Each structure stands twice: as structure tokens, then as C-alpha cells.
Amino acid sequence: MSRTSRVTAEAGAAWRTFLRRRTAVFFTFGFPLILVAIFGIIVQANPAGGGLFGHPTSFYVPGYLAVIVLFTPLSRIGSAFARYRDGNRFQKLSTTPATSREWLAAHTLVNIAIIILASTVVLGVLELLVDGTIGLSPLLLLFIILAVVVFCGLGAILGRITDSQDGVVAASNAIALPLVFLSETFVMPERLPTWFRPVIGLSPLTYFSRGVRKVTYLGQPAWSDLLVLAMFAALVFILGASAVPQE
């Protein structure tokens, strides 16, 4: 059995598991739309004035997409990790030729597919709200894929250091909630304390937000942000794969 076959088989099983969990399917696609509805109303209420939401709706596209690429991989990979550990499935996996990197790669591929679908839905709704002023580029797809790789790896790390599925959910929320508002998504650095602004550069979500905003709103190249995000993706994926039990 080749490596491709092993990854494909594990990814197929993970995809079918996702489809069987109807609540997970609903919130994966429904939560971002709820967020768009809530924040869209606030943004539209003051599209050209000052305040926290004083920019046009298209300015906040990175924030809406950041919610998807951050929360979904963290919770799904962490929960899958906990289920595998509780069911002793990692021990069974160790008796097969599949490696830890292949396991994480398979689940990452499933998350990439899910998040691309969810992002497409959100972008479609936003296009209707802003009358087609969102710039679309192949770079946007690369940003989404790399961000998913980053947070799938982080989800595996959280699954390793927590001792239960409830612990994974709590840890995911504790990390995701601050990141989604402190990574140049909805809140810009000038609204944060001066001493805290250098910390923003430590978040991989910052480079996702910067790059997506350049591509979709400013119409600028974003290769430097893409490169930094790719470095984060490679590093965190390796760390996440090493966190997967191999015996």
C-alpha cells in the first residue's frame, strides 16, 4: 500500500466521519455566516465613519475568513486526536505502515476541503453585501491552505498536551479567541497598546490577515506575508506530526 493510498484512505474515513456529525457540519458552515450577519450589520451601520468598525465591509474579509481557518482546524484536529487516543486507535495505527505525518496530512487535507467550501460560501455572501468589490486572486487560495496547515498542526499539539476532548475544546477557545481579535483581523494595531504591538508579529494569523487584506481589499501583492505563513506552516506541521503518538 503506497503512501498516497494510506493518506487517501485515512482522509476518506475522516471525511465520512465529518459528514455523519450533523451538528459539526451545521456549525462549520453556519457559524461564519452568523458572524457575517452580526458584524455586517455593525459595519454597514457606519461604513465611512470612525470607531471600531469604520471601514468598508470588504476591509473585514480577513476577519471573517480568519474565524474559519482558525476555529475549525483547532477544534476538529484536537477533537479527532482526543477520540483516537480515548479509543486506543493510535495503538492500532502504529501496527500499520501509516506514519504520524501521514495521519496529520490526511486530516489536514479534509480540513482544507471543508474550509475552502466554507470560505467560498462566506465570500459569496459578502460579494452580495458589498456588490462585488472583493478582489479575488489565486493567492487567496494559497493563504487559506497554508493557514489551515498551521492550525491543524497546532490542533495536534493541543490534542497531545490536553487529557480529554473537553480539554481540547477549552484550550482551542482559549487560544483562538484572543488570536482572532489580536491578529489584525477586526482590530487594527493602532487601537492596541503600544507595548503590545510587537507581539502581533508572533501570530501566524497576522500574516494571513495582512496578506488576505492586501489581496482582497488593497489590490497589492502579498508575497512576503505568504512566505512567512509558509514558514509557519512547515514548522508547525512538523511539530504537530511529532506530537502524534507512534506507539
C-alpha atoms as a PDB file:
ATOM      1  CA  MET A   1       0.000   0.000   0.000  1.00  0.00           C
ATOM      2  CA  SER A   2       1.588   3.271  -1.098  1.00  0.00           C
ATOM      3  CA  ARG A   3       1.819   6.455   0.956  1.00  0.00           C
ATOM      4  CA  THR A   4      -0.754   8.129  -1.259  1.00  0.00           C
ATOM      5  CA  SER A   5      -3.161   5.244  -0.719  1.00  0.00           C
ATOM      6  CA  ARG A   6      -2.711   5.384   3.051  1.00  0.00           C
ATOM      7  CA  VAL A   7      -3.304   9.138   3.185  1.00  0.00           C
ATOM      8  CA  THR A   8      -6.313   8.837   0.875  1.00  0.00           C
ATOM      9  CA  ALA A   9      -7.842   6.052   2.962  1.00  0.00           C
ATOM     10  CA  GLU A  10      -7.442   7.964   6.227  1.00  0.00           C
ATOM     11  CA  ALA A  11      -8.749  11.165   4.630  1.00  0.00           C
ATOM     12  CA  GLY A  12     -11.791   9.330   3.272  1.00  0.00           C
ATOM     13  CA  ALA A  13     -12.587   7.941   6.712  1.00  0.00           C
ATOM     14  CA  ALA A  14     -12.197  11.396   8.290  1.00  0.00           C
ATOM     15  CA  TRP A  15     -14.456  12.965   5.650  1.00  0.00           C
ATOM     16  CA  ARG A  16     -17.202  10.397   6.229  1.00  0.00           C
ATOM     17  CA  THR A  17     -16.923  10.929   9.977  1.00  0.00           C
ATOM     18  CA  PHE A  18     -17.396  14.665   9.466  1.00  0.00           C
ATOM     19  CA  LEU A  19     -20.499  14.179   7.311  1.00  0.00           C
ATOM     20  CA  ARG A  20     -22.068  11.876   9.903  1.00  0.00           C
ATOM     21  CA  ARG A  21     -21.756  14.578  12.582  1.00  0.00           C
ATOM     22  CA  ARG A  22     -24.615  16.829  11.508  1.00  0.00           C
ATOM     23  CA  THR A  23     -24.117  19.319  14.316  1.00  0.00           C
ATOM     24  CA  ALA A  24     -20.482  19.775  13.312  1.00  0.00           C
ATOM     25  CA  VAL A  25     -21.496  20.257   9.678  1.00  0.00           C
ATOM     26  CA  PHE A  26     -24.094  22.868  10.612  1.00  0.00           C
ATOM     27  CA  PHE A  27     -21.815  24.956  12.815  1.00  0.00           C
ATOM     28  CA  THR A  28     -18.832  24.644  10.476  1.00  0.00           C
ATOM     29  CA  PHE A  29     -20.812  26.385   7.745  1.00  0.00           C
ATOM     30  CA  GLY A  30     -23.371  28.237   9.852  1.00  0.00           C
ATOM     31  CA  PHE A  31     -21.189  29.956  12.443  1.00  0.00           C
ATOM     32  CA  PRO A  32     -19.201  32.070   9.929  1.00  0.00           C
ATOM     33  CA  LEU A  33     -22.467  33.159   8.289  1.00  0.00           C
ATOM     34  CA  ILE A  34     -23.877  34.158  11.671  1.00  0.00           C
ATOM     35  CA  LEU A  35     -20.720  36.162  12.277  1.00  0.00           C
ATOM     36  CA  VAL A  36     -21.051  37.860   8.889  1.00  0.00           C
ATOM     37  CA  ALA A  37     -24.661  38.741   9.687  1.00  0.00           C
ATOM     38  CA  ILE A  38     -23.791  40.225  13.088  1.00  0.00           C
ATOM     39  CA  PHE A  39     -20.659  42.128  12.100  1.00  0.00           C
ATOM     40  CA  GLY A  40     -22.061  43.021   8.686  1.00  0.00           C
ATOM     41  CA  ILE A  41     -24.909  44.915  10.320  1.00  0.00           C
ATOM     42  CA  ILE A  42     -22.489  46.773  12.585  1.00  0.00           C
ATOM     43  CA  VAL A  43     -20.141  47.615   9.738  1.00  0.00           C
ATOM     44  CA  GLN A  44     -22.945  48.697   7.452  1.00  0.00           C
ATOM     45  CA  ALA A  45     -24.282  50.954  10.189  1.00  0.00           C
ATOM     46  CA  ASN A  46     -21.173  53.141   9.947  1.00  0.00           C
ATOM     47  CA  PRO A  47     -19.314  52.253   6.735  1.00  0.00           C
ATOM     48  CA  ALA A  48     -17.429  55.518   6.344  1.00  0.00           C
ATOM     49  CA  GLY A  49     -17.140  56.957   9.825  1.00  0.00           C
ATOM     50  CA  GLY A  50     -14.831  56.451  12.746  1.00  0.00           C
ATOM     51  CA  GLY A  51     -14.932  53.899  15.510  1.00  0.00           C
ATOM     52  CA  LEU A  52     -14.050  50.247  15.709  1.00  0.00           C
ATOM     53  CA  PHE A  53     -15.986  49.300  12.562  1.00  0.00           C
ATOM     54  CA  GLY A  54     -15.422  52.405  10.488  1.00  0.00           C
ATOM     55  CA  HIS A  55     -14.020  50.659   7.413  1.00  0.00           C
ATOM     56  CA  PRO A  56     -15.984  49.276   4.460  1.00  0.00           C
ATOM     57  CA  THR A  57     -17.271  45.729   4.742  1.00  0.00           C
ATOM     58  CA  SER A  58     -14.648  44.347   2.344  1.00  0.00           C
ATOM     59  CA  PHE A  59     -11.929  45.559   4.729  1.00  0.00           C
ATOM     60  CA  TYR A  60     -13.038  42.911   7.232  1.00  0.00           C
ATOM     61  CA  VAL A  61     -12.918  39.949   4.834  1.00  0.00           C
ATOM     62  CA  PRO A  62      -9.682  38.708   6.516  1.00  0.00           C
ATOM     63  CA  GLY A  63     -11.506  38.687   9.845  1.00  0.00           C
ATOM     64  CA  TYR A  64     -14.386  36.594   8.560  1.00  0.00           C
ATOM     65  CA  LEU A  65     -12.037  34.111   6.888  1.00  0.00           C
ATOM     66  CA  ALA A  66      -9.738  34.075   9.923  1.00  0.00           C
ATOM     67  CA  VAL A  67     -12.588  32.744  12.053  1.00  0.00           C
ATOM     68  CA  ILE A  68     -12.956  29.805   9.663  1.00  0.00           C
ATOM     69  CA  VAL A  69      -9.268  28.946   9.234  1.00  0.00           C
ATOM     70  CA  LEU A  70      -8.618  29.289  12.967  1.00  0.00           C
ATOM     71  CA  PHE A  71     -11.512  27.743  14.886  1.00  0.00           C
ATOM     72  CA  THR A  72     -12.338  24.853  12.553  1.00  0.00           C
ATOM     73  CA  PRO A  73      -8.887  23.184  12.331  1.00  0.00           C
ATOM     74  CA  LEU A  74      -8.089  23.691  16.013  1.00  0.00           C
ATOM     75  CA  SER A  75     -11.319  22.120  17.220  1.00  0.00           C
ATOM     76  CA  ARG A  76     -11.583  19.373  14.589  1.00  0.00           C
ATOM     77  CA  ILE A  77      -7.984  18.144  14.755  1.00  0.00           C
ATOM     78  CA  GLY A  78      -7.874  18.435  18.540  1.00  0.00           C
ATOM     79  CA  SER A  79     -11.149  16.538  18.905  1.00  0.00           C
ATOM     80  CA  ALA A  80     -10.058  13.856  16.425  1.00  0.00           C
ATOM     81  CA  PHE A  81      -6.823  13.481  18.360  1.00  0.00           C
ATOM     82  CA  ALA A  82      -8.754  13.032  21.614  1.00  0.00           C
ATOM     83  CA  ARG A  83     -11.115  10.458  20.058  1.00  0.00           C
ATOM     84  CA  TYR A  84      -8.227   8.451  18.644  1.00  0.00           C
ATOM     85  CA  ARG A  85      -6.429   8.490  21.978  1.00  0.00           C
ATOM     86  CA  ASP A  86      -9.521   7.586  24.026  1.00  0.00           C
ATOM     87  CA  GLY A  87     -10.373   4.739  21.667  1.00  0.00           C
ATOM     88  CA  ASN A  88      -6.789   3.425  21.596  1.00  0.00           C
ATOM     89  CA  ARG A  89      -6.812   3.962  17.840  1.00  0.00           C
ATOM     90  CA  PHE A  90      -3.286   5.341  17.814  1.00  0.00           C
ATOM     91  CA  GLN A  91      -2.076   1.997  19.139  1.00  0.00           C
ATOM     92  CA  LYS A  92      -3.888   0.274  16.283  1.00  0.00           C
ATOM     93  CA  LEU A  93      -2.493   2.818  13.837  1.00  0.00           C
ATOM     94  CA  SER A  94       1.024   2.009  14.984  1.00  0.00           C
ATOM     95  CA  THR A  95       0.584  -1.586  13.764  1.00  0.00           C
ATOM     96  CA  THR A  96       0.058  -0.309  10.206  1.00  0.00           C
ATOM     97  CA  PRO A  97       2.590   1.250   7.803  1.00  0.00           C
ATOM     98  CA  ALA A  98       0.945   4.667   8.283  1.00  0.00           C
ATOM     99  CA  THR A  99       3.159   7.295   9.911  1.00  0.00           C
ATOM    100  CA  SER A 100       2.254  10.224  12.142  1.00  0.00           C
ATOM    101  CA  ARG A 101       2.881  12.668   9.296  1.00  0.00           C
ATOM    102  CA  GLU A 102       0.540  10.719   7.037  1.00  0.00           C
ATOM    103  CA  TRP A 103      -2.180  10.759   9.696  1.00  0.00           C
ATOM    104  CA  LEU A 104      -1.886  14.508  10.159  1.00  0.00           C
ATOM    105  CA  ALA A 105      -1.619  15.092   6.401  1.00  0.00           C
ATOM    106  CA  ALA A 106      -4.834  13.117   5.780  1.00  0.00           C
ATOM    107  CA  HIS A 107      -6.802  15.061   8.379  1.00  0.00           C
ATOM    108  CA  THR A 108      -5.295  18.323   7.170  1.00  0.00           C
ATOM    109  CA  LEU A 109      -6.471  17.594   3.619  1.00  0.00           C
ATOM    110  CA  VAL A 110     -10.010  17.033   4.882  1.00  0.00           C
ATOM    111  CA  ASN A 111      -9.903  20.312   6.793  1.00  0.00           C
ATOM    112  CA  ILE A 112      -8.583  22.123   3.727  1.00  0.00           C
ATOM    113  CA  ALA A 113     -11.534  20.852   1.683  1.00  0.00           C
ATOM    114  CA  ILE A 114     -14.051  21.766   4.385  1.00  0.00           C
ATOM    115  CA  ILE A 115     -12.613  25.236   4.948  1.00  0.00           C
ATOM    116  CA  ILE A 116     -12.368  26.050   1.243  1.00  0.00           C
ATOM    117  CA  LEU A 117     -16.062  25.178   0.932  1.00  0.00           C
ATOM    118  CA  ALA A 118     -16.974  27.265   3.986  1.00  0.00           C
ATOM    119  CA  SER A 119     -14.834  30.183   2.781  1.00  0.00           C
ATOM    120  CA  THR A 120     -16.487  30.036  -0.635  1.00  0.00           C
ATOM    121  CA  VAL A 121     -19.913  30.315   0.982  1.00  0.00           C
ATOM    122  CA  VAL A 122     -18.836  33.261   3.134  1.00  0.00           C
ATOM    123  CA  LEU A 123     -17.169  35.058   0.227  1.00  0.00           C
ATOM    124  CA  GLY A 124     -20.291  34.545  -1.864  1.00  0.00           C
ATOM    125  CA  VAL A 125     -22.460  36.141   0.811  1.00  0.00           C
ATOM    126  CA  LEU A 126     -20.007  39.023   1.240  1.00  0.00           C
ATOM    127  CA  GLU A 127     -19.929  39.588  -2.516  1.00  0.00           C
ATOM    128  CA  LEU A 128     -23.681  40.123  -2.356  1.00  0.00           C
ATOM    129  CA  LEU A 129     -23.326  42.518   0.588  1.00  0.00           C
ATOM    130  CA  VAL A 130     -20.610  44.684  -0.966  1.00  0.00           C
ATOM    131  CA  ASP A 131     -21.774  44.449  -4.592  1.00  0.00           C
ATOM    132  CA  GLY A 132     -18.744  42.605  -5.966  1.00  0.00           C
ATOM    133  CA  THR A 133     -15.941  44.814  -4.644  1.00  0.00           C
ATOM    134  CA  ILE A 134     -13.887  41.994  -3.113  1.00  0.00           C
ATOM    135  CA  GLY A 135     -10.756  41.232  -5.101  1.00  0.00           C
ATOM    136  CA  LEU A 136     -10.214  37.534  -5.780  1.00  0.00           C
ATOM    137  CA  SER A 137      -6.818  36.048  -6.584  1.00  0.00           C
ATOM    138  CA  PRO A 138      -5.140  32.607  -6.650  1.00  0.00           C
ATOM    139  CA  LEU A 139      -3.036  33.887  -3.743  1.00  0.00           C
ATOM    140  CA  LEU A 140      -6.170  33.901  -1.587  1.00  0.00           C
ATOM    141  CA  LEU A 141      -6.466  30.129  -2.005  1.00  0.00           C
ATOM    142  CA  LEU A 142      -2.802  29.686  -1.033  1.00  0.00           C
ATOM    143  CA  PHE A 143      -3.291  31.793   2.084  1.00  0.00           C
ATOM    144  CA  ILE A 144      -6.266  29.678   3.130  1.00  0.00           C
ATOM    145  CA  ILE A 145      -4.426  26.387   2.544  1.00  0.00           C
ATOM    146  CA  LEU A 146      -1.303  27.461   4.443  1.00  0.00           C
ATOM    147  CA  ALA A 147      -3.339  28.830   7.354  1.00  0.00           C
ATOM    148  CA  VAL A 148      -5.224  25.540   7.616  1.00  0.00           C
ATOM    149  CA  VAL A 149      -1.915  23.641   7.709  1.00  0.00           C
ATOM    150  CA  VAL A 150      -0.677  25.901  10.516  1.00  0.00           C
ATOM    151  CA  PHE A 151      -3.721  25.452  12.727  1.00  0.00           C
ATOM    152  CA  CYS A 152      -4.104  21.745  12.010  1.00  0.00           C
ATOM    153  CA  GLY A 153      -0.568  21.306  13.321  1.00  0.00           C
ATOM    154  CA  LEU A 154      -1.399  23.436  16.343  1.00  0.00           C
ATOM    155  CA  GLY A 155      -4.555  21.403  16.887  1.00  0.00           C
ATOM    156  CA  ALA A 156      -2.477  18.211  17.017  1.00  0.00           C
ATOM    157  CA  ILE A 157      -0.185  19.801  19.595  1.00  0.00           C
ATOM    158  CA  LEU A 158      -3.176  20.806  21.719  1.00  0.00           C
ATOM    159  CA  GLY A 159      -4.566  17.284  21.397  1.00  0.00           C
ATOM    160  CA  ARG A 160      -1.303  15.892  22.744  1.00  0.00           C
ATOM    161  CA  ILE A 161      -0.955  18.204  25.756  1.00  0.00           C
ATOM    162  CA  THR A 162      -4.609  18.026  26.867  1.00  0.00           C
ATOM    163  CA  ASP A 163      -6.084  14.974  28.541  1.00  0.00           C
ATOM    164  CA  SER A 164      -9.647  14.942  27.196  1.00  0.00           C
ATOM    165  CA  GLN A 165     -11.889  16.169  24.404  1.00  0.00           C
ATOM    166  CA  ASP A 166     -13.347  18.795  26.736  1.00  0.00           C
ATOM    167  CA  GLY A 167      -9.833  19.953  27.468  1.00  0.00           C
ATOM    168  CA  VAL A 168      -9.134  20.284  23.749  1.00  0.00           C
ATOM    169  CA  VAL A 169     -12.211  22.464  23.244  1.00  0.00           C
ATOM    170  CA  ALA A 170     -11.326  24.673  26.207  1.00  0.00           C
ATOM    171  CA  ALA A 171      -7.706  25.056  25.084  1.00  0.00           C
ATOM    172  CA  SER A 172      -8.759  25.762  21.490  1.00  0.00           C
ATOM    173  CA  ASN A 173     -11.105  28.534  22.571  1.00  0.00           C
ATOM    174  CA  ALA A 174      -8.531  29.983  24.954  1.00  0.00           C
ATOM    175  CA  ILE A 175      -6.062  30.312  22.070  1.00  0.00           C
ATOM    176  CA  ALA A 176      -8.427  31.141  19.216  1.00  0.00           C
ATOM    177  CA  LEU A 177     -10.483  33.904  20.828  1.00  0.00           C
ATOM    178  CA  PRO A 178      -7.525  36.201  21.599  1.00  0.00           C
ATOM    179  CA  LEU A 179      -5.855  35.464  18.267  1.00  0.00           C
ATOM    180  CA  VAL A 180      -8.907  36.257  16.172  1.00  0.00           C
ATOM    181  CA  PHE A 181      -9.074  39.780  17.605  1.00  0.00           C
ATOM    182  CA  LEU A 182      -5.351  40.462  18.096  1.00  0.00           C
ATOM    183  CA  SER A 183      -4.024  39.493  14.657  1.00  0.00           C
ATOM    184  CA  GLU A 184      -5.049  42.482  12.528  1.00  0.00           C
ATOM    185  CA  THR A 185      -8.421  40.942  11.715  1.00  0.00           C
ATOM    186  CA  PHE A 186     -11.132  43.195  13.134  1.00  0.00           C
ATOM    187  CA  VAL A 187      -8.955  45.335  15.418  1.00  0.00           C
ATOM    188  CA  MET A 188      -6.052  47.246  13.904  1.00  0.00           C
ATOM    189  CA  PRO A 189      -2.700  47.645  15.748  1.00  0.00           C
ATOM    190  CA  GLU A 190      -3.186  51.391  16.308  1.00  0.00           C
ATOM    191  CA  ARG A 191      -6.086  50.584  18.628  1.00  0.00           C
ATOM    192  CA  LEU A 192      -3.906  48.380  20.820  1.00  0.00           C
ATOM    193  CA  PRO A 193      -1.401  49.477  23.487  1.00  0.00           C
ATOM    194  CA  THR A 194       1.978  50.477  22.047  1.00  0.00           C
ATOM    195  CA  TRP A 195       3.868  47.926  24.119  1.00  0.00           C
ATOM    196  CA  PHE A 196       1.663  45.095  22.771  1.00  0.00           C
ATOM    197  CA  ARG A 197       2.021  45.816  19.041  1.00  0.00           C
ATOM    198  CA  PRO A 198       5.312  43.883  18.518  1.00  0.00           C
ATOM    199  CA  VAL A 199       3.602  40.763  19.908  1.00  0.00           C
ATOM    200  CA  ILE A 200       1.191  40.782  16.956  1.00  0.00           C
ATOM    201  CA  GLY A 201       4.030  39.715  14.654  1.00  0.00           C
ATOM    202  CA  LEU A 202       4.365  36.429  16.566  1.00  0.00           C
ATOM    203  CA  SER A 203       0.924  35.264  15.442  1.00  0.00           C
ATOM    204  CA  PRO A 204       0.733  33.361  12.136  1.00  0.00           C
ATOM    205  CA  LEU A 205      -2.832  34.623  11.806  1.00  0.00           C
ATOM    206  CA  THR A 206      -1.425  38.156  11.487  1.00  0.00           C
ATOM    207  CA  TYR A 207       0.330  37.280   8.227  1.00  0.00           C
ATOM    208  CA  PHE A 208      -2.808  35.578   6.970  1.00  0.00           C
ATOM    209  CA  SER A 209      -4.863  38.682   7.735  1.00  0.00           C
ATOM    210  CA  ARG A 210      -2.331  41.084   6.231  1.00  0.00           C
ATOM    211  CA  GLY A 211      -1.955  39.040   3.078  1.00  0.00           C
ATOM    212  CA  VAL A 212      -5.668  38.459   2.565  1.00  0.00           C
ATOM    213  CA  ARG A 213      -6.394  42.162   3.104  1.00  0.00           C
ATOM    214  CA  LYS A 214      -3.762  43.116   0.526  1.00  0.00           C
ATOM    215  CA  VAL A 215      -5.206  40.671  -1.990  1.00  0.00           C
ATOM    216  CA  THR A 216      -8.931  41.221  -1.451  1.00  0.00           C
ATOM    217  CA  TYR A 217      -9.118  44.887  -0.385  1.00  0.00           C
ATOM    218  CA  LEU A 218      -5.968  46.799  -1.310  1.00  0.00           C
ATOM    219  CA  GLY A 219      -5.166  45.014  -4.551  1.00  0.00           C
ATOM    220  CA  GLN A 220      -1.495  44.708  -3.612  1.00  0.00           C
ATOM    221  CA  PRO A 221       0.984  41.801  -3.874  1.00  0.00           C
ATOM    222  CA  ALA A 222       1.370  39.802  -0.684  1.00  0.00           C
ATOM    223  CA  TRP A 223       4.323  37.518  -1.352  1.00  0.00           C
ATOM    224  CA  SER A 224       6.224  38.433   1.806  1.00  0.00           C
ATOM    225  CA  ASP A 225       3.249  37.578   4.033  1.00  0.00           C
ATOM    226  CA  LEU A 226       2.709  34.361   2.079  1.00  0.00           C
ATOM    227  CA  LEU A 227       6.350  33.379   2.588  1.00  0.00           C
ATOM    228  CA  VAL A 228       6.212  33.954   6.349  1.00  0.00           C
ATOM    229  CA  LEU A 229       2.963  31.998   6.592  1.00  0.00           C
ATOM    230  CA  ALA A 230       4.527  29.146   4.601  1.00  0.00           C
ATOM    231  CA  MET A 231       7.426  29.034   7.071  1.00  0.00           C
ATOM    232  CA  PHE A 232       4.959  28.877   9.966  1.00  0.00           C
ATOM    233  CA  ALA A 233       3.072  26.096   8.163  1.00  0.00           C
ATOM    234  CA  ALA A 234       6.191  23.960   7.656  1.00  0.00           C
ATOM    235  CA  LEU A 235       7.372  24.401  11.241  1.00  0.00           C
ATOM    236  CA  VAL A 236       4.027  23.826  12.959  1.00  0.00           C
ATOM    237  CA  PHE A 237       3.152  20.848  10.760  1.00  0.00           C
ATOM    238  CA  ILE A 238       6.425  19.139  11.709  1.00  0.00           C
ATOM    239  CA  LEU A 239       5.799  19.867  15.393  1.00  0.00           C
ATOM    240  CA  GLY A 240       2.213  18.678  15.112  1.00  0.00           C
ATOM    241  CA  ALA A 241       3.227  15.444  13.388  1.00  0.00           C
ATOM    242  CA  SER A 242       5.809  14.761  16.096  1.00  0.00           C
ATOM    243  CA  ALA A 243       3.025  15.145  18.681  1.00  0.00           C
ATOM    244  CA  VAL A 244       1.019  12.279  17.146  1.00  0.00           C
ATOM    245  CA  PRO A 245       1.691   9.066  19.139  1.00  0.00           C
ATOM    246  CA  GLN A 246       3.575   6.450  17.175  1.00  0.00           C
ATOM    247  CA  GLU A 247       3.307   3.551  19.600  1.00  0.00           C
END
